[in-house]
């Protein structure tokens, strides 16, 4: 008989109450233990059943090109998948009968993973970068901060420009407000003012948004493009007068003016006699 301080194992504590000894669903080797810890098993459970893992008598089959093949037995579906060199994938397990499709499952998983990676890469993550100034920031440091803010804006990030006051420097709040507005004008080619300067405790800050690609300012060489030279005016020839019918000469006698008539003409060369 084992005493109270005996090292022999107590059989009443070898397994939880109501569970047989060595039950893999309980104890250290179960899902809660070290061997079952992790998401590998859960990931496998979330994946669709493929080929011989599908254990139903019949399925509603969809072809490789998406054509409906109707309800077929699981043996016939597996035979068709083998003949075509593809996999039989269960795409709707809740349906009765389950819906399966003939596809290249390895290629399907690769394309799905690639689409997920492309979606993450194309997603826009806008961050807020902060540029801090002081009322006594010298000119060189000021230019460095402006270049830094311009770089943040070109990367598509929002920029918070903050002036930090110390002690009696709060007396220069109005001057620093004008300074922040000068910053917004200086960075107007790549940013848009979102929040005007406002006091937050012992700081004064404003928010700048990056300009969209369509609203960016044009380069200086495009803005200063010379206007085309005016075309020299060509001399215009005087208009030729329209053809006027022959007017008979006017003869003047004394103070009277008379127009010669047919009787004043000489004898015609073609007359009789």
Protein backbone atom coordinates (compact mmCIF):
# COMPACT_ATOMS: atom_id res chain seq x y z
CA UNK A 1 0.00 0.00 0.00
CA UNK A 2 1.41 3.33 -0.93
CA UNK A 3 1.85 5.83 1.84
CA UNK A 4 0.96 9.50 1.72
CA UNK A 5 4.54 10.32 0.68
CA UNK A 6 5.00 7.46 -1.75
CA UNK A 7 6.33 8.20 -5.23
CA UNK A 8 4.03 5.70 -6.94
CA UNK A 9 1.52 7.31 -9.33
CA UNK A 10 -2.03 7.60 -8.15
CA UNK A 11 -4.28 5.75 -10.65
CA UNK A 12 -7.22 8.01 -9.79
CA UNK A 13 -5.31 10.99 -11.19
CA UNK A 14 -3.95 9.43 -14.34
CA UNK A 15 -6.82 10.72 -16.50
CA UNK A 16 -9.60 13.28 -16.14
CA UNK A 17 -12.89 12.10 -14.76
CA UNK A 18 -15.11 10.70 -17.49
CA UNK A 19 -12.29 10.26 -20.03
CA UNK A 20 -10.43 7.02 -20.66
CA UNK A 21 -6.71 6.93 -20.08
CA UNK A 22 -4.72 7.82 -23.13
CA UNK A 23 -7.62 9.65 -24.81
CA UNK A 24 -5.95 11.85 -27.50
CA UNK A 25 -8.65 14.50 -27.14
CA UNK A 26 -7.64 15.17 -23.53
CA UNK A 27 -4.37 15.71 -21.75
CA UNK A 28 -0.96 16.85 -23.03
CA UNK A 29 -1.26 15.13 -26.39
CA UNK A 30 -4.69 16.61 -27.21
CA UNK A 31 -5.51 19.85 -28.97
CA UNK A 32 -4.76 21.83 -25.81
CA UNK A 33 -1.40 20.17 -25.24
CA UNK A 34 1.96 20.91 -26.78
CA UNK A 35 1.52 18.43 -29.63
CA UNK A 36 -1.81 19.90 -30.74
CA UNK A 37 -0.90 23.54 -30.18
CA UNK A 38 -0.78 25.73 -33.33
CA UNK A 39 -2.96 26.45 -36.30
CA UNK A 40 -1.84 23.65 -38.64
CA UNK A 41 -4.79 21.43 -37.82
CA UNK A 42 -7.26 24.31 -38.02
CA UNK A 43 -5.82 25.39 -41.37
CA UNK A 44 -6.28 21.88 -42.74
CA UNK A 45 -9.85 21.83 -41.49
CA UNK A 46 -10.61 25.09 -43.28
CA UNK A 47 -9.32 23.84 -46.62
CA UNK A 48 -11.79 22.14 -48.96
CA UNK A 49 -11.75 18.38 -49.22
CA UNK A 50 -9.87 17.10 -52.26
CA UNK A 51 -9.97 13.79 -54.12
CA UNK A 52 -10.09 10.79 -51.72
CA UNK A 53 -10.94 12.98 -48.73
CA UNK A 54 -14.42 13.44 -50.20
CA UNK A 55 -16.46 10.65 -48.58
CA UNK A 56 -19.97 10.95 -50.01
CA UNK A 57 -21.73 8.54 -52.39
CA UNK A 58 -22.50 11.13 -55.08
CA UNK A 59 -21.73 14.75 -55.92
CA UNK A 60 -23.00 17.49 -58.19
CA UNK A 61 -20.11 17.84 -60.61
CA UNK A 62 -18.87 20.98 -62.37
CA UNK A 63 -16.46 20.60 -65.25
CA UNK A 64 -13.11 22.27 -65.82
CA UNK A 65 -14.67 25.00 -67.96
CA UNK A 66 -17.55 25.56 -65.53
CA UNK A 67 -20.07 23.38 -67.38
CA UNK A 68 -22.65 21.52 -65.30
CA UNK A 69 -22.21 17.73 -65.53
CA UNK A 70 -25.08 16.86 -63.19
CA UNK A 71 -25.15 14.44 -60.26
CA UNK A 72 -22.65 11.61 -60.61
CA UNK A 73 -21.23 8.97 -58.31
CA UNK A 74 -18.04 9.68 -56.46
CA UNK A 75 -16.25 6.84 -58.28
CA UNK A 76 -17.19 8.26 -61.69
CA UNK A 77 -16.14 11.75 -60.61
CA UNK A 78 -12.77 10.47 -59.44
CA UNK A 79 -12.30 8.56 -62.69
CA UNK A 80 -13.03 11.69 -64.73
CA UNK A 81 -10.56 13.70 -62.65
CA UNK A 82 -7.88 11.06 -63.21
CA UNK A 83 -8.49 10.96 -66.95
CA UNK A 84 -8.24 14.77 -67.24
CA UNK A 85 -5.20 14.99 -64.96
CA UNK A 86 -6.90 17.37 -62.50
CA UNK A 87 -8.24 17.24 -58.94
CA UNK A 88 -11.74 16.76 -57.61
CA UNK A 89 -12.33 19.66 -55.21
CA UNK A 90 -15.35 20.08 -52.96
CA UNK A 91 -16.47 23.71 -53.35
CA UNK A 92 -19.84 23.62 -51.54
CA UNK A 93 -19.91 21.07 -48.73
CA UNK A 94 -23.21 22.32 -47.29
CA UNK A 95 -25.16 21.53 -50.46
CA UNK A 96 -27.04 18.25 -50.84
CA UNK A 97 -25.39 16.58 -52.63
CA UNK A 98 -22.10 18.47 -52.22
CA UNK A 99 -20.87 20.43 -55.21
CA UNK A 100 -17.46 19.40 -56.54
CA UNK A 101 -15.42 20.85 -59.36
CA UNK A 102 -12.70 19.48 -61.59
CA UNK A 103 -9.68 21.80 -61.34
CA UNK A 104 -5.95 21.99 -60.85
CA UNK A 105 -5.99 22.55 -57.10
CA UNK A 106 -2.29 23.41 -56.83
CA UNK A 107 -2.62 26.12 -59.47
CA UNK A 108 -5.82 27.36 -57.82
CA UNK A 109 -4.07 27.79 -54.46
CA UNK A 110 -1.13 29.56 -56.09
CA UNK A 111 -3.37 32.07 -57.90
CA UNK A 112 -5.41 32.64 -54.75
CA UNK A 113 -2.26 33.35 -52.73
CA UNK A 114 -0.97 35.67 -55.43
CA UNK A 115 -4.24 37.62 -55.54
CA UNK A 116 -4.15 38.04 -51.76
CA UNK A 117 -0.57 39.32 -51.89
CA UNK A 118 -1.41 41.74 -54.71
CA UNK A 119 -4.41 43.05 -52.76
CA UNK A 120 -2.24 43.69 -49.70
CA UNK A 121 0.42 45.38 -51.78
CA UNK A 122 -2.03 47.64 -53.59
CA UNK A 123 -3.83 48.64 -50.39
CA UNK A 124 -3.00 52.22 -49.43
CA UNK A 125 -1.71 52.69 -45.89
CA UNK A 126 -1.71 56.39 -45.07
CA UNK A 127 0.49 57.24 -42.10
CA UNK A 128 0.77 60.49 -40.20
CA UNK A 129 4.33 61.81 -40.03
CA UNK A 130 5.22 64.65 -37.70
CA UNK A 131 7.73 67.42 -38.24
CA UNK A 132 8.60 69.37 -35.10
CA UNK A 133 9.85 72.93 -34.97
CA UNK A 134 10.68 75.42 -32.24
CA UNK A 135 10.33 79.19 -32.26
CA UNK A 136 14.16 79.49 -32.28
CA UNK A 137 14.82 76.90 -35.00
CA UNK A 138 17.56 78.34 -37.22
CA UNK A 139 17.35 78.66 -40.99
CA UNK A 140 19.44 75.58 -41.82
CA UNK A 141 17.40 73.26 -39.57
CA UNK A 142 14.22 74.82 -40.90
CA UNK A 143 15.17 73.93 -44.50
CA UNK A 144 16.05 70.39 -43.41
CA UNK A 145 12.62 70.00 -41.80
CA UNK A 146 10.90 71.30 -44.93
CA UNK A 147 12.77 68.81 -47.12
CA UNK A 148 11.78 66.07 -44.73
CA UNK A 149 8.13 67.10 -44.86
CA UNK A 150 8.25 67.24 -48.65
CA UNK A 151 9.64 63.69 -48.76
CA UNK A 152 6.87 62.43 -46.46
CA UNK A 153 4.23 64.04 -48.66
CA UNK A 154 5.74 62.60 -51.84
CA UNK A 155 5.45 59.14 -50.27
CA UNK A 156 1.70 59.67 -49.80
CA UNK A 157 1.74 60.28 -46.03
CA UNK A 158 -0.02 63.01 -44.10
CA UNK A 159 2.25 65.45 -42.33
CA UNK A 160 1.63 67.14 -39.00
CA UNK A 161 3.78 70.24 -38.54
CA UNK A 162 4.14 71.11 -34.86
CA UNK A 163 5.74 74.10 -33.16
CA UNK A 164 6.71 73.31 -29.55
CA UNK A 165 6.79 76.15 -27.04
CA UNK A 166 8.81 76.29 -23.87
CA UNK A 167 8.37 78.70 -20.97
CA UNK A 168 7.55 82.23 -22.11
CA UNK A 169 7.72 81.32 -25.80
CA UNK A 170 3.90 81.09 -25.78
CA UNK A 171 3.96 84.86 -26.16
CA UNK A 172 5.05 84.30 -29.78
CA UNK A 173 2.02 82.16 -30.67
CA UNK A 174 0.69 84.60 -33.28
CA UNK A 175 4.10 84.84 -34.95
CA UNK A 176 4.39 81.06 -35.10
CA UNK A 177 0.88 80.79 -36.53
CA UNK A 178 1.99 83.00 -39.40
CA UNK A 179 5.10 80.86 -39.73
CA UNK A 180 3.01 77.69 -40.08
CA UNK A 181 0.91 79.33 -42.76
CA UNK A 182 4.13 80.20 -44.60
CA UNK A 183 5.04 76.50 -44.39
CA UNK A 184 1.72 75.54 -45.97
CA UNK A 185 2.37 77.99 -48.82
CA UNK A 186 5.92 76.70 -49.25
CA UNK A 187 4.65 73.10 -49.56
CA UNK A 188 1.56 73.98 -51.62
CA UNK A 189 2.99 72.31 -54.73
CA UNK A 190 2.82 68.86 -53.08
CA UNK A 191 0.27 69.26 -50.27
CA UNK A 192 -3.10 70.68 -49.33
CA UNK A 193 -3.92 72.29 -45.99
CA UNK A 194 -6.28 70.01 -44.06
CA UNK A 195 -6.31 71.47 -40.52
CA UNK A 196 -5.38 75.09 -39.93
CA UNK A 197 -2.89 75.90 -37.14
CA UNK A 198 -4.38 75.47 -33.70
CA UNK A 199 -3.00 75.43 -30.17
CA UNK A 200 -2.90 72.09 -28.33
CA UNK A 201 -1.53 72.64 -24.85
CA UNK A 202 1.96 74.05 -25.28
CA UNK A 203 2.11 73.05 -28.93
CA UNK A 204 0.69 74.54 -32.11
CA UNK A 205 0.15 72.22 -35.03
CA UNK A 206 -1.45 71.96 -38.45
CA UNK A 207 -2.17 69.01 -40.77
CA UNK A 208 -1.17 68.70 -44.42
CA UNK A 209 -2.56 66.14 -46.85
CA UNK A 210 -0.61 64.89 -49.86
CA UNK A 211 -1.83 66.12 -53.21
CA UNK A 212 -3.31 63.60 -55.58
CA UNK A 213 -1.44 62.85 -58.77
CA UNK A 214 -4.09 64.63 -60.85
CA UNK A 215 -3.89 67.81 -58.74
CA UNK A 216 -0.13 68.16 -58.66
CA UNK A 217 1.31 71.36 -59.93
CA UNK A 218 2.83 71.34 -63.38
CA UNK A 219 6.60 71.55 -63.67
CA UNK A 220 8.12 75.00 -63.92
CA UNK A 221 9.34 74.41 -67.46
CA UNK A 222 5.76 73.63 -68.56
CA UNK A 223 4.37 76.67 -66.77
CA UNK A 224 7.00 79.00 -68.32
CA UNK A 225 6.73 77.61 -71.84
CA UNK A 226 7.14 80.49 -74.30
CA UNK A 227 4.12 81.48 -76.33
CA UNK A 228 4.33 80.80 -80.06
CA UNK A 229 5.76 83.69 -82.10
CA UNK A 230 3.13 85.70 -83.97
CA UNK A 231 2.98 85.10 -87.70
CA UNK A 232 4.11 88.12 -89.74
CA UNK A 233 1.30 89.72 -91.72
CA UNK A 234 1.61 89.20 -95.44
CA UNK A 235 1.00 92.26 -97.70
CA UNK A 236 -2.39 92.13 -99.35
CA UNK A 237 -2.52 92.94 -103.06
CA UNK A 238 -5.09 95.58 -104.03
CA UNK A 239 -8.31 94.18 -105.35
CA UNK A 240 -8.66 94.21 -109.11
CA UNK A 241 -11.70 96.16 -110.29
CA UNK A 242 -14.44 94.19 -111.96
CA UNK A 243 -14.66 94.30 -115.77
CA UNK A 244 -16.55 97.38 -116.79
CA UNK A 245 -18.34 97.63 -120.19
CA UNK A 246 -16.87 100.10 -122.69
CA UNK A 247 -18.28 103.57 -122.22
CA UNK A 248 -18.25 105.97 -125.22
CA UNK A 249 -16.16 109.07 -124.96
CA UNK A 250 -17.86 112.28 -123.99
CA UNK A 251 -17.33 115.29 -126.21
CA UNK A 252 -17.67 118.81 -124.89
CA UNK A 253 -18.71 121.83 -127.00
CA UNK A 254 -18.70 125.12 -125.31
CA UNK A 255 -20.73 124.78 -122.18
CA UNK A 256 -22.77 121.81 -123.38
CA UNK A 257 -21.83 118.19 -122.99
CA UNK A 258 -23.01 115.74 -125.62
CA UNK A 259 -22.63 111.98 -125.86
CA UNK A 260 -21.87 110.86 -129.46
CA UNK A 261 -24.64 108.79 -131.03
CA UNK A 262 -24.86 106.37 -133.92
CA UNK A 263 -25.24 109.21 -136.46
CA UNK A 264 -21.78 110.55 -135.56
CA UNK A 265 -20.06 107.39 -136.66
CA UNK A 266 -18.47 107.23 -140.09
CA UNK A 267 -19.86 105.25 -143.00
CA UNK A 268 -19.70 101.54 -142.48
CA UNK A 269 -17.20 99.68 -144.64
CA UNK A 270 -19.78 97.05 -145.40
CA UNK A 271 -22.48 99.48 -146.75
CA UNK A 272 -23.97 99.51 -150.27
CA UNK A 273 -22.53 101.55 -153.01
